[in-house]
Amino acid sequence: MKAKRKEQAISLKLGIIGAFSLACLFCIIGFSAIWLPFSDNAISYPTAVIQVIPAATFTSTPPPTQASATLNDEGGPQSSSSEVPIMIGDYVEIVGTQGDGLRLRSQPGLDGDIVFVAYEGEIFKVDDGPQDASGYHWWYLIAPYDETVRGWAVDNYLRVVQNH
């Protein structure tokens, strides 16, 4: 009986040693599978590239220029490109800027700060004027879509679209 117990003890020891050896073998294989692909000799994968595109910004306002004014019979600058005289309360369209737009200013004259650049074809309501400054006739315009958009504009680039 003693021999049988001795055999069982040896078998148990061999079983534990075998299981431990097998577990070590699986660990080595597992770590190899994980770490070997990341070595220097492994396949390299492409790196993601992020391209940052800056958001749109306001375009700079072109510097003020003095257009050569056409003179009327009295030697002064010719008024409005409109054949209909401009009056307070009229609606006028921006015309003849060749896509540069019309600068609305804080006060009549080329020295007034530019507060807005109106696009060709935009419509404004005439609220005040005319005032003569810097050799031009100026009208105070207000945008009907936003009353905060307002300023003085040269009438050479205005055409009446509606009379009241």
Foldseek 3Di string as FASTA:
>chain_A
DVVVVVVVVVVVVVVVVVVVVVVVVVVVVVVCVVPVCPDPPHDDDDDDDDDDDDDDDDDDQDQDDDDDFDADPVRAGDFAPAPDDDDAFFKKFFADPVFNFWFFFADPESPGHGDDGHGGGAIWGFHDDQDDYPRFTWTWTAHPVDRVPIGITGRHGIYTPDDD
